[in-house]
PDB file of N, CA and C in Angstrom:
ATOM      1  N   MET A   1     165.321   9.319-193.319  1.00  0.00           N
ATOM      2  CA  MET A   1     164.450   8.696-192.360  1.00  0.00           C
ATOM      3  C   MET A   1     163.077   9.352-192.471  1.00  0.00           C
ATOM      4  N   TRP A   2     162.048   8.537-192.449  1.00  0.00           N
ATOM      5  CA  TRP A   2     160.678   9.021-192.518  1.00  0.00           C
ATOM      6  C   TRP A   2     159.991   8.704-191.199  1.00  0.00           C
ATOM      7  N   PHE A   3     159.316   9.693-190.648  1.00  0.00           N
ATOM      8  CA  PHE A   3     158.632   9.511-189.372  1.00  0.00           C
ATOM      9  C   PHE A   3     157.378  10.355-189.399  1.00  0.00           C
ATOM     10  N   HIS A   4     156.262   9.765-189.012  1.00  0.00           N
ATOM     11  CA  HIS A   4     155.000  10.498-188.986  1.00  0.00           C
ATOM     12  C   HIS A   4     154.214  10.090-187.755  1.00  0.00           C
ATOM     13  N   ASP A   5     153.730  11.067-187.016  1.00  0.00           N
ATOM     14  CA  ASP A   5     152.897  10.799-185.839  1.00  0.00           C
ATOM     15  C   ASP A   5     151.428  10.836-186.229  1.00  0.00           C
ATOM     16  N   TYR A   6     150.672   9.891-185.705  1.00  0.00           N
ATOM     17  CA  TYR A   6     149.223   9.862-185.900  1.00  0.00           C
ATOM     18  C   TYR A   6     148.543   9.909-184.545  1.00  0.00           C
ATOM     19  N   SER A   7     147.437  10.595-184.486  1.00  0.00           N
ATOM     20  CA  SER A   7     146.543  10.497-183.330  1.00  0.00           C
ATOM     21  C   SER A   7     145.544   9.399-183.657  1.00  0.00           C
ATOM     22  N   LEU A   8     144.764   8.995-182.684  1.00  0.00           N
ATOM     23  CA  LEU A   8     143.743   7.983-182.966  1.00  0.00           C
ATOM     24  C   LEU A   8     142.780   8.505-184.032  1.00  0.00           C
ATOM     25  N   GLN A   9     142.442   9.778-183.964  1.00  0.00           N
ATOM     26  CA  GLN A   9     141.524  10.363-184.950  1.00  0.00           C
ATOM     27  C   GLN A   9     142.122  10.326-186.357  1.00  0.00           C
ATOM     28  N   THR A  10     143.382  10.743-186.499  1.00  0.00           N
ATOM     29  CA  THR A  10     143.961  10.796-187.843  1.00  0.00           C
ATOM     30  C   THR A  10     144.210   9.411-188.418  1.00  0.00           C
ATOM     31  N   ILE A  11     144.646   8.450-187.615  1.00  0.00           N
ATOM     32  CA  ILE A  11     144.853   7.103-188.153  1.00  0.00           C
ATOM     33  C   ILE A  11     143.518   6.448-188.483  1.00  0.00           C
ATOM     34  N   SER A  12     142.473   6.751-187.715  1.00  0.00           N
ATOM     35  CA  SER A  12     141.132   6.238-188.013  1.00  0.00           C
ATOM     36  C   SER A  12     140.656   6.749-189.363  1.00  0.00           C
ATOM     37  N   GLU A  13     140.881   8.030-189.634  1.00  0.00           N
ATOM     38  CA  GLU A  13     140.481   8.612-190.917  1.00  0.00           C
ATOM     39  C   GLU A  13     141.242   7.983-192.079  1.00  0.00           C
ATOM     40  N   VAL A  14     142.540   7.809-191.931  1.00  0.00           N
ATOM     41  CA  VAL A  14     143.354   7.197-192.985  1.00  0.00           C
ATOM     42  C   VAL A  14     142.866   5.781-193.264  1.00  0.00           C
ATOM     43  N   LEU A  15     142.656   5.005-192.224  1.00  0.00           N
ATOM     44  CA  LEU A  15     142.208   3.623-192.402  1.00  0.00           C
ATOM     45  C   LEU A  15     140.819   3.563-193.033  1.00  0.00           C
ATOM     46  N   THR A  16     139.892   4.359-192.538  1.00  0.00           N
ATOM     47  CA  THR A  16     138.524   4.376-193.069  1.00  0.00           C
ATOM     48  C   THR A  16     138.518   4.787-194.544  1.00  0.00           C
ATOM     49  N   ASN A  17     139.284   5.803-194.875  1.00  0.00           N
ATOM     50  CA  ASN A  17     139.342   6.277-196.265  1.00  0.00           C
ATOM     51  C   ASN A  17     139.949   5.259-197.219  1.00  0.00           C
ATOM     52  N   ASN A  18     140.627   4.254-196.666  1.00  0.00           N
ATOM     53  CA  ASN A  18     141.255   3.234-197.498  1.00  0.00           C
ATOM     54  C   ASN A  18     140.628   1.852-197.335  1.00  0.00           C
ATOM     55  N   GLY A  19     139.388   1.828-196.825  1.00  0.00           N
ATOM     56  CA  GLY A  19     138.628   0.582-196.792  1.00  0.00           C
ATOM     57  C   GLY A  19     138.892  -0.325-195.613  1.00  0.00           C
ATOM     58  N   PHE A  20     139.362   0.222-194.501  1.00  0.00           N
ATOM     59  CA  PHE A  20     139.616  -0.575-193.308  1.00  0.00           C
ATOM     60  C   PHE A  20     138.748  -0.089-192.156  1.00  0.00           C
ATOM     61  N   LYS A  21     138.539  -0.969-191.184  1.00  0.00           N
ATOM     62  CA  LYS A  21     137.925  -0.563-189.927  1.00  0.00           C
ATOM     63  C   LYS A  21     138.837  -1.017-188.795  1.00  0.00           C
ATOM     64  N   ILE A  22     138.847  -0.264-187.714  1.00  0.00           N
ATOM     65  CA  ILE A  22     139.677  -0.615-186.568  1.00  0.00           C
ATOM     66  C   ILE A  22     138.987  -1.720-185.785  1.00  0.00           C
ATOM     67  N   ALA A  23     139.721  -2.811-185.570  1.00  0.00           N
ATOM     68  CA  ALA A  23     139.200  -3.934-184.803  1.00  0.00           C
ATOM     69  C   ALA A  23     139.560  -3.802-183.323  1.00  0.00           C
ATOM     70  N   HIS A  24     140.757  -3.256-183.035  1.00  0.00           N
ATOM     71  CA  HIS A  24     141.181  -3.080-181.642  1.00  0.00           C
ATOM     72  C   HIS A  24     142.338  -2.094-181.587  1.00  0.00           C
ATOM     73  N   ILE A  25     142.435  -1.379-180.467  1.00  0.00           N
ATOM     74  CA  ILE A  25     143.547  -0.452-180.251  1.00  0.00           C
ATOM     75  C   ILE A  25     144.121  -0.648-178.857  1.00  0.00           C
ATOM     76  N   TRP A  26     145.416  -0.399-178.737  1.00  0.00           N
ATOM     77  CA  TRP A  26     146.132  -0.470-177.461  1.00  0.00           C
ATOM     78  C   TRP A  26     147.077   0.719-177.356  1.00  0.00           C
ATOM     79  N   ASN A  27     147.665   0.909-176.187  1.00  0.00           N
ATOM     80  CA  ASN A  27     148.693   1.934-175.991  1.00  0.00           C
ATOM     81  C   ASN A  27     150.100   1.365-176.106  1.00  0.00           C
ATOM     82  N   SER A  28     150.226   0.086-176.410  1.00  0.00           N
ATOM     83  CA  SER A  28     151.546  -0.510-176.572  1.00  0.00           C
ATOM     84  C   SER A  28     151.412  -1.809-177.350  1.00  0.00           C
ATOM     85  N   LEU A  29     152.537  -2.331-177.779  1.00  0.00           N
ATOM     86  CA  LEU A  29     152.527  -3.623-178.467  1.00  0.00           C
ATOM     87  C   LEU A  29     152.499  -4.788-177.487  1.00  0.00           C
ATOM     88  N   THR A  30     152.484  -4.489-176.187  1.00  0.00           N
ATOM     89  CA  THR A  30     152.418  -5.539-175.181  1.00  0.00           C
ATOM     90  C   THR A  30     151.001  -5.733-174.646  1.00  0.00           C
ATOM     91  N   GLY A  31     150.025  -4.993-175.204  1.00  0.00           N
ATOM     92  CA  GLY A  31     148.637  -5.205-174.831  1.00  0.00           C
ATOM     93  C   GLY A  31     148.063  -4.256-173.808  1.00  0.00           C
ATOM     94  N   GLU A  32     148.769  -3.170-173.521  1.00  0.00           N
ATOM     95  CA  GLU A  32     148.262  -2.175-172.575  1.00  0.00           C
ATOM     96  C   GLU A  32     147.000  -1.534-173.160  1.00  0.00           C
ATOM     97  N   GLU A  33     145.886  -1.627-172.451  1.00  0.00           N
ATOM     98  CA  GLU A  33     144.619  -1.095-172.954  1.00  0.00           C
ATOM     99  C   GLU A  33     144.740   0.383-173.302  1.00  0.00           C
ATOM    100  N   TYR A  34     144.024   0.794-174.338  1.00  0.00           N
ATOM    101  CA  TYR A  34     144.110   2.169-174.833  1.00  0.00           C
ATOM    102  C   TYR A  34     143.513   3.151-173.842  1.00  0.00           C
ATOM    103  N   LYS A  35     144.252   4.202-173.575  1.00  0.00           N
ATOM    104  CA  LYS A  35     143.797   5.340-172.783  1.00  0.00           C
ATOM    105  C   LYS A  35     144.234   6.593-173.513  1.00  0.00           C
ATOM    106  N   VAL A  36     143.379   7.586-173.566  1.00  0.00           N
ATOM    107  CA  VAL A  36     143.706   8.852-174.218  1.00  0.00           C
ATOM    108  C   VAL A  36     144.946   9.461-173.563  1.00  0.00           C
ATOM    109  N   GLY A  37     145.835   9.984-174.377  1.00  0.00           N
ATOM    110  CA  GLY A  37     147.030  10.640-173.859  1.00  0.00           C
ATOM    111  C   GLY A  37     148.257   9.762-173.792  1.00  0.00           C
ATOM    112  N   GLY A  38     148.156   8.525-174.234  1.00  0.00           N
ATOM    113  CA  GLY A  38     149.320   7.645-174.230  1.00  0.00           C
ATOM    114  C   GLY A  38     150.328   8.066-175.285  1.00  0.00           C
ATOM    115  N   ASP A  39     151.548   7.584-175.150  1.00  0.00           N
ATOM    116  CA  ASP A  39     152.605   7.931-176.097  1.00  0.00           C
ATOM    117  C   ASP A  39     152.546   7.128-177.390  1.00  0.00           C
ATOM    118  N   TRP A  40     151.908   5.956-177.359  1.00  0.00           N
ATOM    119  CA  TRP A  40     151.887   5.049-178.505  1.00  0.00           C
ATOM    120  C   TRP A  40     150.472   4.595-178.805  1.00  0.00           C
ATOM    121  N   ILE A  41     150.250   4.205-180.056  1.00  0.00           N
ATOM    122  CA  ILE A  41     148.988   3.591-180.471  1.00  0.00           C
ATOM    123  C   ILE A  41     149.333   2.349-181.283  1.00  0.00           C
ATOM    124  N   ALA A  42     148.802   1.211-180.855  1.00  0.00           N
ATOM    125  CA  ALA A  42     148.914  -0.025-181.617  1.00  0.00           C
ATOM    126  C   ALA A  42     147.518  -0.336-182.147  1.00  0.00           C
ATOM    127  N   VAL A  43     147.427  -0.672-183.426  1.00  0.00           N
ATOM    128  CA  VAL A  43     146.126  -0.836-184.081  1.00  0.00           C
ATOM    129  C   VAL A  43     146.067  -2.157-184.826  1.00  0.00           C
ATOM    130  N   ILE A  44     144.952  -2.853-184.673  1.00  0.00           N
ATOM    131  CA  ILE A  44     144.616  -3.954-185.583  1.00  0.00           C
ATOM    132  C   ILE A  44     143.470  -3.444-186.426  1.00  0.00           C
ATOM    133  N   ALA A  45     143.657  -3.497-187.751  1.00  0.00           N
ATOM    134  CA  ALA A  45     142.637  -3.031-188.683  1.00  0.00           C
ATOM    135  C   ALA A  45     142.254  -4.177-189.616  1.00  0.00           C
ATOM    136  N   GLN A  46     140.995  -4.159-190.029  1.00  0.00           N
ATOM    137  CA  GLN A  46     140.476  -5.220-190.888  1.00  0.00           C
ATOM    138  C   GLN A  46     139.935  -4.593-192.174  1.00  0.00           C
ATOM    139  N   LYS A  47     140.285  -5.181-193.307  1.00  0.00           N
ATOM    140  CA  LYS A  47     139.784  -4.713-194.589  1.00  0.00           C
ATOM    141  C   LYS A  47     138.291  -5.037-194.675  1.00  0.00           C
ATOM    142  N   VAL A  48     137.501  -4.039-195.059  1.00  0.00           N
ATOM    143  CA  VAL A  48     136.042  -4.246-195.194  1.00  0.00           C
ATOM    144  C   VAL A  48     135.617  -4.196-196.626  1.00  0.00           C
TER     145      VAL A  48
END
């Protein structure tokens, strides 16, 4: 099993380094607006 935790900062760096930009972030897959300290990060990224 493979599991890796990302913070908003680390996932932003990974995406940026691979030609993506973050279009939107949430704290859940149900649309809960992002707040620092949440347990989850849902990201929509767009290739630039």
